[in-house]
Amino acid sequence: QMNSLKPEDTAVYYCAVKTDLGGNDSDYYTAVGYDYWGQGTQ
């Protein structure tokens, strides 16, 4: 849910699945930690 949208929020938004949850919380913030990706929505 995205509220108070700004022009700088303009982008393609991707959904992703992270299967390995055994690392640090910082791993959630990087794309490399995700295994599956959708095609995106503008």
Full PDB file with SEQRES, HELIX, SHEET, SSBOND, CRYST1, ORIGX, SCALE, CONECT and MASTER records, all heavy atoms in Angstrom:
SEQRES   1 A   42  GLN MET ASN SER LEU LYS PRO GLU ASP THR ALA VAL TYR          
SEQRES   2 A   42  TYR CYS ALA VAL LYS THR ASP LEU GLY GLY ASN ASP SER          
SEQRES   3 A   42  ASP TYR TYR THR ALA VAL GLY TYR ASP TYR TRP GLY GLN          
SEQRES   4 A   42  GLY THR GLN                                                  
HELIX    1 AA1 PRO A    7  ASP A    9  5                                   3    
HELIX    2 AA2 ASP A   25  TYR A   29  5                                   5    
HELIX    3 AA3 ALA A   31  GLY A   33  5                                   3    
SHEET    1 AA1 2 ALA A  16  VAL A  17  0                                        
SHEET    2 AA1 2 TYR A  36  TRP A  37 -1                                        
CRYST1    1.000    1.000    1.000  90.00  90.00  90.00 P 1           1          
ORIGX1      1.000000  0.000000  0.000000        0.00000                         
ORIGX2      0.000000  1.000000  0.000000        0.00000                         
ORIGX3      0.000000  0.000000  1.000000        0.00000                         
SCALE1      1.000000  0.000000  0.000000        0.00000                         
SCALE2      0.000000  1.000000  0.000000        0.00000                         
SCALE3      0.000000  0.000000  1.000000        0.00000                         
ATOM      1  N   GLN A   1       0.861  -1.176   0.000  1.00  0.00           N  
ATOM      2  CA  GLN A   1       0.000   0.000   0.000  1.00  0.00           C  
ATOM      3  C   GLN A   1       0.896   1.224   0.000  1.00  0.00           C  
ATOM      4  O   GLN A   1       1.725   1.400   0.904  1.00  0.00           O  
ATOM      5  CB  GLN A   1      -0.895  -0.004   1.241  1.00  0.00           C  
ATOM      6  CG  GLN A   1      -1.776   1.226   1.364  1.00  0.00           C  
ATOM      7  CD  GLN A   1      -2.823   1.309   0.277  1.00  0.00           C  
ATOM      8  OE1 GLN A   1      -3.454   0.313  -0.064  1.00  0.00           O  
ATOM      9  NE2 GLN A   1      -3.022   2.499  -0.286  1.00  0.00           N  
ATOM     10  N   MET A   2       0.714   2.068  -0.997  1.00  0.00           N  
ATOM     11  CA  MET A   2       1.553   3.256  -1.132  1.00  0.00           C  
ATOM     12  C   MET A   2       0.680   4.501  -1.054  1.00  0.00           C  
ATOM     13  O   MET A   2      -0.231   4.674  -1.863  1.00  0.00           O  
ATOM     14  CB  MET A   2       2.304   3.223  -2.467  1.00  0.00           C  
ATOM     15  CG  MET A   2       3.144   1.961  -2.656  1.00  0.00           C  
ATOM     16  SD  MET A   2       4.177   2.024  -4.128  1.00  0.00           S  
ATOM     17  CE  MET A   2       2.928   2.067  -5.417  1.00  0.00           C  
ATOM     18  N   ASN A   3       0.951   5.323  -0.081  1.00  0.00           N  
ATOM     19  CA  ASN A   3       0.209   6.564   0.126  1.00  0.00           C  
ATOM     20  C   ASN A   3       1.135   7.763  -0.030  1.00  0.00           C  
ATOM     21  O   ASN A   3       2.353   7.629  -0.017  1.00  0.00           O  
ATOM     22  CB  ASN A   3      -0.417   6.569   1.524  1.00  0.00           C  
ATOM     23  CG  ASN A   3      -1.359   5.404   1.744  1.00  0.00           C  
ATOM     24  OD1 ASN A   3      -2.093   4.998   0.840  1.00  0.00           O  
ATOM     25  ND2 ASN A   3      -1.359   4.861   2.951  1.00  0.00           N  
ATOM     26  N   SER A   4       0.525   8.930  -0.179  1.00  0.00           N  
ATOM     27  CA  SER A   4       1.298  10.177  -0.290  1.00  0.00           C  
ATOM     28  C   SER A   4       2.393  10.048  -1.335  1.00  0.00           C  
ATOM     29  O   SER A   4       3.557  10.398  -1.097  1.00  0.00           O  
ATOM     30  CB  SER A   4       1.902  10.550   1.075  1.00  0.00           C  
ATOM     31  OG  SER A   4       0.894  10.704   2.049  1.00  0.00           O  
ATOM     32  N   LEU A   5       2.023   9.536  -2.485  1.00  0.00           N  
ATOM     33  CA  LEU A   5       3.017   9.281  -3.527  1.00  0.00           C  
ATOM     34  C   LEU A   5       3.620  10.574  -4.050  1.00  0.00           C  
ATOM     35  O   LEU A   5       2.951  11.618  -4.124  1.00  0.00           O  
ATOM     36  CB  LEU A   5       2.388   8.484  -4.667  1.00  0.00           C  
ATOM     37  CG  LEU A   5       2.193   6.992  -4.342  1.00  0.00           C  
ATOM     38  CD1 LEU A   5       1.194   6.357  -5.292  1.00  0.00           C  
ATOM     39  CD2 LEU A   5       3.521   6.268  -4.387  1.00  0.00           C  
ATOM     40  N   LYS A   6       4.893  10.475  -4.427  1.00  0.00           N  
ATOM     41  CA  LYS A   6       5.652  11.608  -4.940  1.00  0.00           C  
ATOM     42  C   LYS A   6       6.169  11.283  -6.341  1.00  0.00           C  
ATOM     43  O   LYS A   6       6.329  10.102  -6.668  1.00  0.00           O  
ATOM     44  CB  LYS A   6       6.842  11.890  -4.019  1.00  0.00           C  
ATOM     45  CG  LYS A   6       6.485  12.093  -2.565  1.00  0.00           C  
ATOM     46  CD  LYS A   6       7.739  12.208  -1.718  1.00  0.00           C  
ATOM     47  CE  LYS A   6       7.407  12.355  -0.245  1.00  0.00           C  
ATOM     48  NZ  LYS A   6       8.633  12.459   0.597  1.00  0.00           N  
ATOM     49  N   PRO A   7       6.458  12.278  -7.139  1.00  0.00           N  
ATOM     50  CA  PRO A   7       7.005  11.987  -8.473  1.00  0.00           C  
ATOM     51  C   PRO A   7       8.264  11.126  -8.422  1.00  0.00           C  
ATOM     52  O   PRO A   7       8.485  10.301  -9.319  1.00  0.00           O  
ATOM     53  CB  PRO A   7       7.299  13.382  -9.026  1.00  0.00           C  
ATOM     54  CG  PRO A   7       6.287  14.267  -8.359  1.00  0.00           C  
ATOM     55  CD  PRO A   7       6.159  13.705  -6.963  1.00  0.00           C  
ATOM     56  N   GLU A   8       9.055  11.268  -7.377  1.00  0.00           N  
ATOM     57  CA  GLU A   8      10.274  10.455  -7.262  1.00  0.00           C  
ATOM     58  C   GLU A   8       9.992   8.999  -6.938  1.00  0.00           C  
ATOM     59  O   GLU A   8      10.921   8.180  -6.931  1.00  0.00           O  
ATOM     60  CB  GLU A   8      11.224  11.059  -6.225  1.00  0.00           C  
ATOM     61  CG  GLU A   8      10.596  11.347  -4.886  1.00  0.00           C  
ATOM     62  CD  GLU A   8      10.169  12.807  -4.759  1.00  0.00           C  
ATOM     63  OE1 GLU A   8       9.575  13.349  -5.722  1.00  0.00           O  
ATOM     64  OE2 GLU A   8      10.410  13.394  -3.677  1.00  0.00           O  
ATOM     65  N   ASP A   9       8.747   8.658  -6.681  1.00  0.00           N  
ATOM     66  CA  ASP A   9       8.377   7.253  -6.499  1.00  0.00           C  
ATOM     67  C   ASP A   9       8.155   6.556  -7.832  1.00  0.00           C  
ATOM     68  O   ASP A   9       7.924   5.345  -7.874  1.00  0.00           O  
ATOM     69  CB  ASP A   9       7.103   7.138  -5.657  1.00  0.00           C  
ATOM     70  CG  ASP A   9       7.307   7.602  -4.228  1.00  0.00           C  
ATOM     71  OD1 ASP A   9       8.360   7.284  -3.645  1.00  0.00           O  
ATOM     72  OD2 ASP A   9       6.406   8.278  -3.699  1.00  0.00           O  
ATOM     73  N   THR A  10       8.203   7.299  -8.917  1.00  0.00           N  
ATOM     74  CA  THR A  10       8.025   6.725 -10.241  1.00  0.00           C  
ATOM     75  C   THR A  10       9.117   5.705 -10.534  1.00  0.00           C  
ATOM     76  O   THR A  10      10.306   6.009 -10.432  1.00  0.00           O  
ATOM     77  CB  THR A  10       8.046   7.833 -11.313  1.00  0.00           C  
ATOM     78  OG1 THR A  10       6.917   8.690 -11.122  1.00  0.00           O  
ATOM     79  CG2 THR A  10       8.008   7.239 -12.714  1.00  0.00           C  
ATOM     80  N   ALA A  11       8.698   4.494 -10.877  1.00  0.00           N  
ATOM     81  CA  ALA A  11       9.638   3.403 -11.120  1.00  0.00           C  
ATOM     82  C   ALA A  11       8.866   2.158 -11.523  1.00  0.00           C  
ATOM     83  O   ALA A  11       7.631   2.128 -11.424  1.00  0.00           O  
ATOM     84  CB  ALA A  11      10.465   3.106  -9.869  1.00  0.00           C  
ATOM     85  N   VAL A  12       9.596   1.148 -11.931  1.00  0.00           N  
ATOM     86  CA  VAL A  12       9.019  -0.190 -12.056  1.00  0.00           C  
ATOM     87  C   VAL A  12       9.197  -0.873 -10.709  1.00  0.00           C  
ATOM     88  O   VAL A  12      10.308  -0.888 -10.157  1.00  0.00           O  
ATOM     89  CB  VAL A  12       9.704  -0.997 -13.170  1.00  0.00           C  
ATOM     90  CG1 VAL A  12       9.120  -2.411 -13.222  1.00  0.00           C  
ATOM     91  CG2 VAL A  12       9.548  -0.305 -14.517  1.00  0.00           C  
ATOM     92  N   TYR A  13       8.115  -1.418 -10.196  1.00  0.00           N  
ATOM     93  CA  TYR A  13       8.126  -2.079  -8.894  1.00  0.00           C  
ATOM     94  C   TYR A  13       8.114  -3.585  -9.099  1.00  0.00           C  
ATOM     95  O   TYR A  13       7.262  -4.115  -9.827  1.00  0.00           O  
ATOM     96  CB  TYR A  13       6.935  -1.638  -8.070  1.00  0.00           C  
ATOM     97  CG  TYR A  13       7.108  -0.254  -7.491  1.00  0.00           C  
ATOM     98  CD1 TYR A  13       7.093   0.874  -8.315  1.00  0.00           C  
ATOM     99  CD2 TYR A  13       7.328  -0.063  -6.128  1.00  0.00           C  
ATOM    100  CE1 TYR A  13       7.289   2.138  -7.790  1.00  0.00           C  
ATOM    101  CE2 TYR A  13       7.513   1.201  -5.593  1.00  0.00           C  
ATOM    102  CZ  TYR A  13       7.497   2.303  -6.438  1.00  0.00           C  
ATOM    103  OH  TYR A  13       7.697   3.557  -5.922  1.00  0.00           O  
ATOM    104  N   TYR A  14       9.053  -4.247  -8.427  1.00  0.00           N  
ATOM    105  CA  TYR A  14       9.227  -5.684  -8.554  1.00  0.00           C  
ATOM    106  C   TYR A  14       8.949  -6.385  -7.238  1.00  0.00           C  
ATOM    107  O   TYR A  14       9.363  -5.919  -6.168  1.00  0.00           O  
ATOM    108  CB  TYR A  14      10.657  -6.012  -8.973  1.00  0.00           C  
ATOM    109  CG  TYR A  14      11.063  -5.492 -10.323  1.00  0.00           C  
ATOM    110  CD1 TYR A  14      11.661  -4.245 -10.450  1.00  0.00           C  
ATOM    111  CD2 TYR A  14      10.861  -6.244 -11.475  1.00  0.00           C  
ATOM    112  CE1 TYR A  14      12.042  -3.757 -11.686  1.00  0.00           C  
ATOM    113  CE2 TYR A  14      11.239  -5.771 -12.716  1.00  0.00           C  
ATOM    114  CZ  TYR A  14      11.833  -4.519 -12.815  1.00  0.00           C  
ATOM    115  OH  TYR A  14      12.207  -4.049 -14.043  1.00  0.00           O  
ATOM    116  N   CYS A  15       8.325  -7.525  -7.350  1.00  0.00           N  
ATOM    117  CA  CYS A  15       8.114  -8.411  -6.216  1.00  0.00           C  
ATOM    118  C   CYS A  15       9.180  -9.502  -6.255  1.00  0.00           C  
ATOM    119  O   CYS A  15       9.583  -9.939  -7.346  1.00  0.00           O  
ATOM    120  CB  CYS A  15       6.711  -9.024  -6.337  1.00  0.00           C  
ATOM    121  SG  CYS A  15       6.310 -10.275  -5.133  1.00  0.00           S  
ATOM    122  N   ALA A  16       9.644  -9.940  -5.094  1.00  0.00           N  
ATOM    123  CA  ALA A  16      10.701 -10.950  -5.050  1.00  0.00           C  
ATOM    124  C   ALA A  16      10.526 -11.855  -3.837  1.00  0.00           C  
ATOM    125  O   ALA A  16       9.927 -11.456  -2.833  1.00  0.00           O  
ATOM    126  CB  ALA A  16      12.070 -10.275  -4.997  1.00  0.00           C  
ATOM    127  N   VAL A  17      11.071 -13.061  -3.959  1.00  0.00           N  
ATOM    128  CA  VAL A  17      11.021 -14.054  -2.880  1.00  0.00           C  
ATOM    129  C   VAL A  17      12.423 -14.298  -2.348  1.00  0.00           C  
ATOM    130  O   VAL A  17      13.358 -14.505  -3.124  1.00  0.00           O  
ATOM    131  CB  VAL A  17      10.437 -15.392  -3.384  1.00  0.00           C  
ATOM    132  CG1 VAL A  17      10.487 -16.441  -2.266  1.00  0.00           C  
ATOM    133  CG2 VAL A  17       9.017 -15.220  -3.869  1.00  0.00           C  
ATOM    134  N   LYS A  18      12.542 -14.279  -1.040  1.00  0.00           N  
ATOM    135  CA  LYS A  18      13.813 -14.603  -0.371  1.00  0.00           C  
ATOM    136  C   LYS A  18      13.609 -15.904   0.382  1.00  0.00           C  
ATOM    137  O   LYS A  18      12.748 -15.984   1.259  1.00  0.00           O  
ATOM    138  CB  LYS A  18      14.175 -13.479   0.596  1.00  0.00           C  
ATOM    139  CG  LYS A  18      15.472 -13.692   1.371  1.00  0.00           C  
ATOM    140  CD  LYS A  18      15.761 -12.493   2.231  1.00  0.00           C  
ATOM    141  CE  LYS A  18      16.973 -12.699   3.134  1.00  0.00           C  
ATOM    142  NZ  LYS A  18      18.197 -12.970   2.352  1.00  0.00           N  
ATOM    143  N   THR A  19      14.368 -16.927   0.016  1.00  0.00           N  
ATOM    144  CA  THR A  19      14.167 -18.244   0.608  1.00  0.00           C  
ATOM    145  C   THR A  19      15.108 -18.513   1.776  1.00  0.00           C  
ATOM    146  O   THR A  19      14.797 -19.340   2.629  1.00  0.00           O  
ATOM    147  CB  THR A  19      14.346 -19.339  -0.446  1.00  0.00           C  
ATOM    148  OG1 THR A  19      15.683 -19.295  -0.946  1.00  0.00           O  
ATOM    149  CG2 THR A  19      13.363 -19.168  -1.592  1.00  0.00           C  
ATOM    150  N   ASP A  20      16.258 -17.890   1.804  1.00  0.00           N  
ATOM    151  CA  ASP A  20      17.219 -18.127   2.877  1.00  0.00           C  
ATOM    152  C   ASP A  20      17.106 -16.998   3.896  1.00  0.00           C  
ATOM    153  O   ASP A  20      17.525 -15.876   3.643  1.00  0.00           O  
ATOM    154  CB  ASP A  20      18.643 -18.178   2.311  1.00  0.00           C  
ATOM    155  CG  ASP A  20      19.689 -18.451   3.394  1.00  0.00           C  
ATOM    156  OD1 ASP A  20      19.287 -18.674   4.572  1.00  0.00           O  
ATOM    157  OD2 ASP A  20      20.886 -18.434   3.073  1.00  0.00           O  
ATOM    158  N   LEU A  21      16.504 -17.317   5.046  1.00  0.00           N  
ATOM    159  CA  LEU A  21      16.311 -16.309   6.084  1.00  0.00           C  
ATOM    160  C   LEU A  21      17.317 -16.463   7.213  1.00  0.00           C  
ATOM    161  O   LEU A  21      17.129 -15.911   8.294  1.00  0.00           O  
ATOM    162  CB  LEU A  21      14.883 -16.405   6.633  1.00  0.00           C  
ATOM    163  CG  LEU A  21      13.757 -16.335   5.603  1.00  0.00           C  
ATOM    164  CD1 LEU A  21      12.408 -16.224   6.300  1.00  0.00           C  
ATOM    165  CD2 LEU A  21      13.951 -15.204   4.627  1.00  0.00           C  
ATOM    166  N   GLY A  22      18.393 -17.188   6.946  1.00  0.00           N  
ATOM    167  CA  GLY A  22      19.343 -17.497   8.013  1.00  0.00           C  
ATOM    168  C   GLY A  22      20.404 -16.449   8.261  1.00  0.00           C  
ATOM    169  O   GLY A  22      21.189 -16.581   9.187  1.00  0.00           O  
ATOM    170  N   GLY A  23      20.454 -15.408   7.465  1.00  0.00           N  
ATOM    171  CA  GLY A  23      21.503 -14.397   7.629  1.00  0.00           C  
ATOM    172  C   GLY A  23      21.074 -13.268   8.536  1.00  0.00           C  
ATOM    173  O   GLY A  23      20.223 -13.417   9.404  1.00  0.00           O  
ATOM    174  N   ASN A  24      21.695 -12.126   8.302  1.00  0.00           N  
ATOM    175  CA  ASN A  24      21.376 -10.942   9.098  1.00  0.00           C  
ATOM    176  C   ASN A  24      20.167 -10.206   8.528  1.00  0.00           C  
ATOM    177  O   ASN A  24      19.813 -10.388   7.359  1.00  0.00           O  
ATOM    178  CB  ASN A  24      22.574  -9.996   9.121  1.00  0.00           C  
ATOM    179  CG  ASN A  24      23.789 -10.635   9.745  1.00  0.00           C  
ATOM    180  OD1 ASN A  24      23.676 -11.354  10.720  1.00  0.00           O  
ATOM    181  ND2 ASN A  24      24.955 -10.380   9.155  1.00  0.00           N  
ATOM    182  N   ASP A  25      19.577  -9.355   9.349  1.00  0.00           N  
ATOM    183  CA  ASP A  25      18.455  -8.556   8.861  1.00  0.00           C  
ATOM    184  C   ASP A  25      18.878  -7.657   7.709  1.00  0.00           C  
ATOM    185  O   ASP A  25      18.065  -7.332   6.847  1.00  0.00           O  
ATOM    186  CB  ASP A  25      17.887  -7.694   9.987  1.00  0.00           C  
ATOM    187  CG  ASP A  25      16.969  -8.485  10.892  1.00  0.00           C  
ATOM    188  OD1 ASP A  25      16.705  -9.665  10.596  1.00  0.00           O  
ATOM    189  OD2 ASP A  25      16.504  -7.931  11.905  1.00  0.00           O  
ATOM    190  N   SER A  26      20.133  -7.277   7.665  1.00  0.00           N  
ATOM    191  CA  SER A  26      20.608  -6.417   6.587  1.00  0.00           C  
ATOM    192  C   SER A  26      20.475  -7.097   5.221  1.00  0.00           C  
ATOM    193  O   SER A  26      20.424  -6.430   4.189  1.00  0.00           O  
ATOM    194  CB  SER A  26      22.063  -6.017   6.830  1.00  0.00           C  
ATOM    195  OG  SER A  26      22.888  -7.168   6.906  1.00  0.00           O  
ATOM    196  N   ASP A  27      20.397  -8.410   5.209  1.00  0.00           N  
ATOM    197  CA  ASP A  27      20.259  -9.151   3.946  1.00  0.00           C  
ATOM    198  C   ASP A  27      18.937  -8.858   3.250  1.00  0.00           C  
ATOM    199  O   ASP A  27      18.812  -9.042   2.039  1.00  0.00           O  
ATOM    200  CB  ASP A  27      20.380 -10.646   4.192  1.00  0.00           C  
ATOM    201  CG  ASP A  27      21.757 -11.050   4.673  1.00  0.00           C  
ATOM    202  OD1 ASP A  27      22.704 -10.247   4.507  1.00  0.00           O  
ATOM    203  OD2 ASP A  27      21.887 -12.159   5.217  1.00  0.00           O  
ATOM    204  N   TYR A  28      17.940  -8.446   4.004  1.00  0.00           N  
ATOM    205  CA  TYR A  28      16.640  -8.161   3.397  1.00  0.00           C  
ATOM    206  C   TYR A  28      16.688  -6.941   2.482  1.00  0.00           C  
ATOM    207  O   TYR A  28      15.834  -6.787   1.622  1.00  0.00           O  
ATOM    208  CB  TYR A  28      15.593  -7.929   4.486  1.00  0.00           C  
ATOM    209  CG  TYR A  28      15.210  -9.187   5.194  1.00  0.00           C  
ATOM    210  CD1 TYR A  28      15.891  -9.609   6.332  1.00  0.00           C  
ATOM    211  CD2 TYR A  28      14.159  -9.978   4.737  1.00  0.00           C  
ATOM    212  CE1 TYR A  28      15.544 -10.773   6.988  1.00  0.00           C  
ATOM    213  CE2 TYR A  28      13.803 -11.143   5.388  1.00  0.00           C  
ATOM    214  CZ  TYR A  28      14.503 -11.534   6.511  1.00  0.00           C  
ATOM    215  OH  TYR A  28      14.159 -12.688   7.154  1.00  0.00           O  
ATOM    216  N   TYR A  29      17.695  -6.092   2.680  1.00  0.00           N  
ATOM    217  CA  TYR A  29      17.716  -4.805   2.005  1.00  0.00           C  
ATOM    218  C   TYR A  29      18.466  -4.825   0.681  1.00  0.00           C  
ATOM    219  O   TYR A  29      18.558  -3.792   0.007  1.00  0.00           O  
ATOM    220  CB  TYR A  29      18.351  -3.755   2.926  1.00  0.00           C  
ATOM    221  CG  TYR A  29      17.550  -3.512   4.190  1.00  0.00           C  
ATOM    222  CD1 TYR A  29      17.723  -4.319   5.308  1.00  0.00           C  
ATOM    223  CD2 TYR A  29      16.620  -2.483   4.252  1.00  0.00           C  
ATOM    224  CE1 TYR A  29      16.982  -4.109   6.464  1.00  0.00           C  
ATOM    225  CE2 TYR A  29      15.891  -2.257   5.409  1.00  0.00           C  
ATOM    226  CZ  TYR A  29      16.073  -3.073   6.498  1.00  0.00           C  
ATOM    227  OH  TYR A  29      15.335  -2.854   7.639  1.00  0.00           O  
ATOM    228  N   THR A  30      18.990  -5.960   0.312  1.00  0.00           N  
ATOM    229  CA  THR A  30      19.754  -6.038  -0.925  1.00  0.00           C  
ATOM    230  C   THR A  30      19.134  -7.050  -1.874  1.00  0.00           C  
ATOM    231  O   THR A  30      18.728  -8.140  -1.475  1.00  0.00           O  
ATOM    232  CB  THR A  30      21.213  -6.435  -0.650  1.00  0.00           C  
ATOM    233  OG1 THR A  30      21.233  -7.718   0.006  1.00  0.00           O  
ATOM    234  CG2 THR A  30      21.898  -5.419   0.237  1.00  0.00           C  
ATOM    235  N   ALA A  31      19.115  -6.690  -3.145  1.00  0.00           N  
ATOM    236  CA  ALA A  31      18.477  -7.526  -4.150  1.00  0.00           C  
ATOM    237  C   ALA A  31      19.159  -8.878  -4.304  1.00  0.00           C  
ATOM    238  O   ALA A  31      18.514  -9.872  -4.645  1.00  0.00           O  
ATOM    239  CB  ALA A  31      18.452  -6.797  -5.485  1.00  0.00           C  
ATOM    240  N   VAL A  32      20.446  -8.931  -4.029  1.00  0.00           N  
ATOM    241  CA  VAL A  32      21.190 -10.166  -4.239  1.00  0.00           C  
ATOM    242  C   VAL A  32      20.689 -11.296  -3.353  1.00  0.00           C  
ATOM    243  O   VAL A  32      20.886 -12.473  -3.656  1.00  0.00           O  
ATOM    244  CB  VAL A  32      22.694  -9.924  -4.016  1.00  0.00           C  
ATOM    245  CG1 VAL A  32      22.982  -9.668  -2.533  1.00  0.00           C  
ATOM    246  CG2 VAL A  32      23.534 -11.061  -4.544  1.00  0.00           C  
ATOM    247  N   GLY A  33      20.014 -10.962  -2.270  1.00  0.00           N  
ATOM    248  CA  GLY A  33      19.548 -11.987  -1.353  1.00  0.00           C  
ATOM    249  C   GLY A  33      18.232 -12.638  -1.739  1.00  0.00           C  
ATOM    250  O   GLY A  33      17.751 -13.528  -1.053  1.00  0.00           O  
ATOM    251  N   TYR A  34      17.648 -12.221  -2.848  1.00  0.00           N  
ATOM    252  CA  TYR A  34      16.349 -12.718  -3.283  1.00  0.00           C  
ATOM    253  C   TYR A  34      16.521 -13.671  -4.470  1.00  0.00           C  
ATOM    254  O   TYR A  34      17.338 -13.432  -5.347  1.00  0.00           O  
ATOM    255  CB  TYR A  34      15.434 -11.551  -3.639  1.00  0.00           C  
ATOM    256  CG  TYR A  34      15.032 -10.762  -2.414  1.00  0.00           C  
ATOM    257  CD1 TYR A  34      15.925  -9.888  -1.800  1.00  0.00           C  
ATOM    258  CD2 TYR A  34      13.778 -10.921  -1.838  1.00  0.00           C  
ATOM    259  CE1 TYR A  34      15.585  -9.190  -0.654  1.00  0.00           C  
ATOM    260  CE2 TYR A  34      13.420 -10.221  -0.693  1.00  0.00           C  
ATOM    261  CZ  TYR A  34      14.333  -9.364  -0.110  1.00  0.00           C  
ATOM    262  OH  TYR A  34      13.988  -8.673   1.028  1.00  0.00           O  
ATOM    263  N   ASP A  35      15.700 -14.714  -4.459  1.00  0.00           N  
ATOM    264  CA  ASP A  35      15.907 -15.808  -5.401  1.00  0.00           C  
ATOM    265  C   ASP A  35      14.986 -15.796  -6.612  1.00  0.00           C  
ATOM    266  O   ASP A  35      15.349 -16.320  -7.674  1.00  0.00           O  
ATOM    267  CB  ASP A  35      15.724 -17.136  -4.664  1.00  0.00           C  
ATOM    268  CG  ASP A  35      16.636 -17.224  -3.447  1.00  0.00           C  
ATOM    269  OD1 ASP A  35      17.842 -17.442  -3.644  1.00  0.00           O  
ATOM    270  OD2 ASP A  35      16.133 -17.049  -2.318  1.00  0.00           O  
ATOM    271  N   TYR A  36      13.809 -15.257  -6.441  1.00  0.00           N  
ATOM    272  CA  TYR A  36      12.830 -15.256  -7.523  1.00  0.00           C  
ATOM    273  C   TYR A  36      12.267 -13.844  -7.674  1.00  0.00           C  
ATOM    274  O   TYR A  36      12.038 -13.163  -6.675  1.00  0.00           O  
ATOM    275  CB  TYR A  36      11.683 -16.232  -7.238  1.00  0.00           C  
ATOM    276  CG  TYR A  36      12.142 -17.644  -6.989  1.00  0.00           C  
ATOM    277  CD1 TYR A  36      12.269 -18.138  -5.698  1.00  0.00           C  
ATOM    278  CD2 TYR A  36      12.442 -18.497  -8.055  1.00  0.00           C  
ATOM    279  CE1 TYR A  36      12.691 -19.427  -5.463  1.00  0.00           C  
ATOM    280  CE2 TYR A  36      12.860 -19.794  -7.827  1.00  0.00           C  
ATOM    281  CZ  TYR A  36      12.987 -20.259  -6.520  1.00  0.00           C  
ATOM    282  OH  TYR A  36      13.412 -21.531  -6.296  1.00  0.00           O  
ATOM    283  N   TRP A  37      11.997 -13.483  -8.924  1.00  0.00           N  
ATOM    284  CA  TRP A  37      11.543 -12.130  -9.230  1.00  0.00           C  
ATOM    285  C   TRP A  37      10.363 -12.155 -10.183  1.00  0.00           C  
ATOM    286  O   TRP A  37      10.276 -13.008 -11.066  1.00  0.00           O  
ATOM    287  CB  TRP A  37      12.677 -11.334  -9.884  1.00  0.00           C  
ATOM    288  CG  TRP A  37      13.801 -11.056  -8.949  1.00  0.00           C  
ATOM    289  CD1 TRP A  37      14.846 -11.886  -8.654  1.00  0.00           C  
ATOM    290  CD2 TRP A  37      13.978  -9.877  -8.164  1.00  0.00           C  
ATOM    291  NE1 TRP A  37      15.669 -11.295  -7.727  1.00  0.00           N  
ATOM    292  CE2 TRP A  37      15.164 -10.058  -7.421  1.00  0.00           C  
ATOM    293  CE3 TRP A  37      13.265  -8.691  -8.023  1.00  0.00           C  
ATOM    294  CZ2 TRP A  37      15.644  -9.089  -6.538  1.00  0.00           C  
ATOM    295  CZ3 TRP A  37      13.745  -7.730  -7.155  1.00  0.00           C  
ATOM    296  CH2 TRP A  37      14.914  -7.928  -6.425  1.00  0.00           C  
ATOM    297  N   GLY A  38       9.476 -11.181 -10.002  1.00  0.00           N  
ATOM    298  CA  GLY A  38       8.413 -10.984 -10.959  1.00  0.00           C  
ATOM    299  C   GLY A  38       8.877 -10.090 -12.095  1.00  0.00           C  
ATOM    300  O   GLY A  38      10.026  -9.646 -12.137  1.00  0.00           O  
ATOM    301  N   GLN A  39       7.958  -9.818 -13.015  1.00  0.00           N  
ATOM    302  CA  GLN A  39       8.277  -9.021 -14.204  1.00  0.00           C  
ATOM    303  C   GLN A  39       8.175  -7.528 -13.942  1.00  0.00           C  
ATOM    304  O   GLN A  39       8.678  -6.730 -14.743  1.00  0.00           O  
ATOM    305  CB  GLN A  39       7.351  -9.408 -15.349  1.00  0.00           C  
ATOM    306  CG  GLN A  39       7.567 -10.832 -15.831  1.00  0.00           C  
ATOM    307  CD  GLN A  39       8.966 -11.053 -16.358  1.00  0.00           C  
ATOM    308  OE1 GLN A  39       9.468 -10.303 -17.201  1.00  0.00           O  
ATOM    309  NE2 GLN A  39       9.661 -12.075 -15.838  1.00  0.00           N  
ATOM    310  N   GLY A  40       7.533  -7.159 -12.870  1.00  0.00           N  
ATOM    311  CA  GLY A  40       7.433  -5.752 -12.522  1.00  0.00           C  
ATOM    312  C   GLY A  40       6.147  -5.095 -12.986  1.00  0.00           C  
ATOM    313  O   GLY A  40       5.496  -5.560 -13.925  1.00  0.00           O  
ATOM    314  N   THR A  41       5.792  -4.019 -12.305  1.00  0.00           N  
ATOM    315  CA  THR A  41       4.631  -3.221 -12.679  1.00  0.00           C  
ATOM    316  C   THR A  41       5.037  -1.749 -12.596  1.00  0.00           C  
ATOM    317  O   THR A  41       5.696  -1.332 -11.642  1.00  0.00           O  
ATOM    318  CB  THR A  41       3.422  -3.539 -11.775  1.00  0.00           C  
ATOM    319  OG1 THR A  41       2.278  -2.812 -12.228  1.00  0.00           O  
ATOM    320  CG2 THR A  41       3.673  -3.187 -10.314  1.00  0.00           C  
ATOM    321  N   GLN A  42       4.623  -0.987 -13.597  1.00  0.00           N  
ATOM    322  CA  GLN A  42       5.036   0.412 -13.694  1.00  0.00           C  
ATOM    323  C   GLN A  42       4.162   1.287 -12.798  1.00  0.00           C  
ATOM    324  O   GLN A  42       2.927   1.211 -12.853  1.00  0.00           O  
ATOM    325  CB  GLN A  42       4.937   0.901 -15.136  1.00  0.00           C  
ATOM    326  CG  GLN A  42       5.239   2.370 -15.324  1.00  0.00           C  
ATOM    327  CD  GLN A  42       6.716   2.699 -15.127  1.00  0.00           C  
ATOM    328  OE1 GLN A  42       7.582   1.999 -15.658  1.00  0.00           O  
ATOM    329  NE2 GLN A  42       7.008   3.764 -14.380  1.00  0.00           N  
TER     330      GLN A  42                                                      
MASTER        0    0    0    3    2    0    0    6  329    1    0    4          
END                                                                             
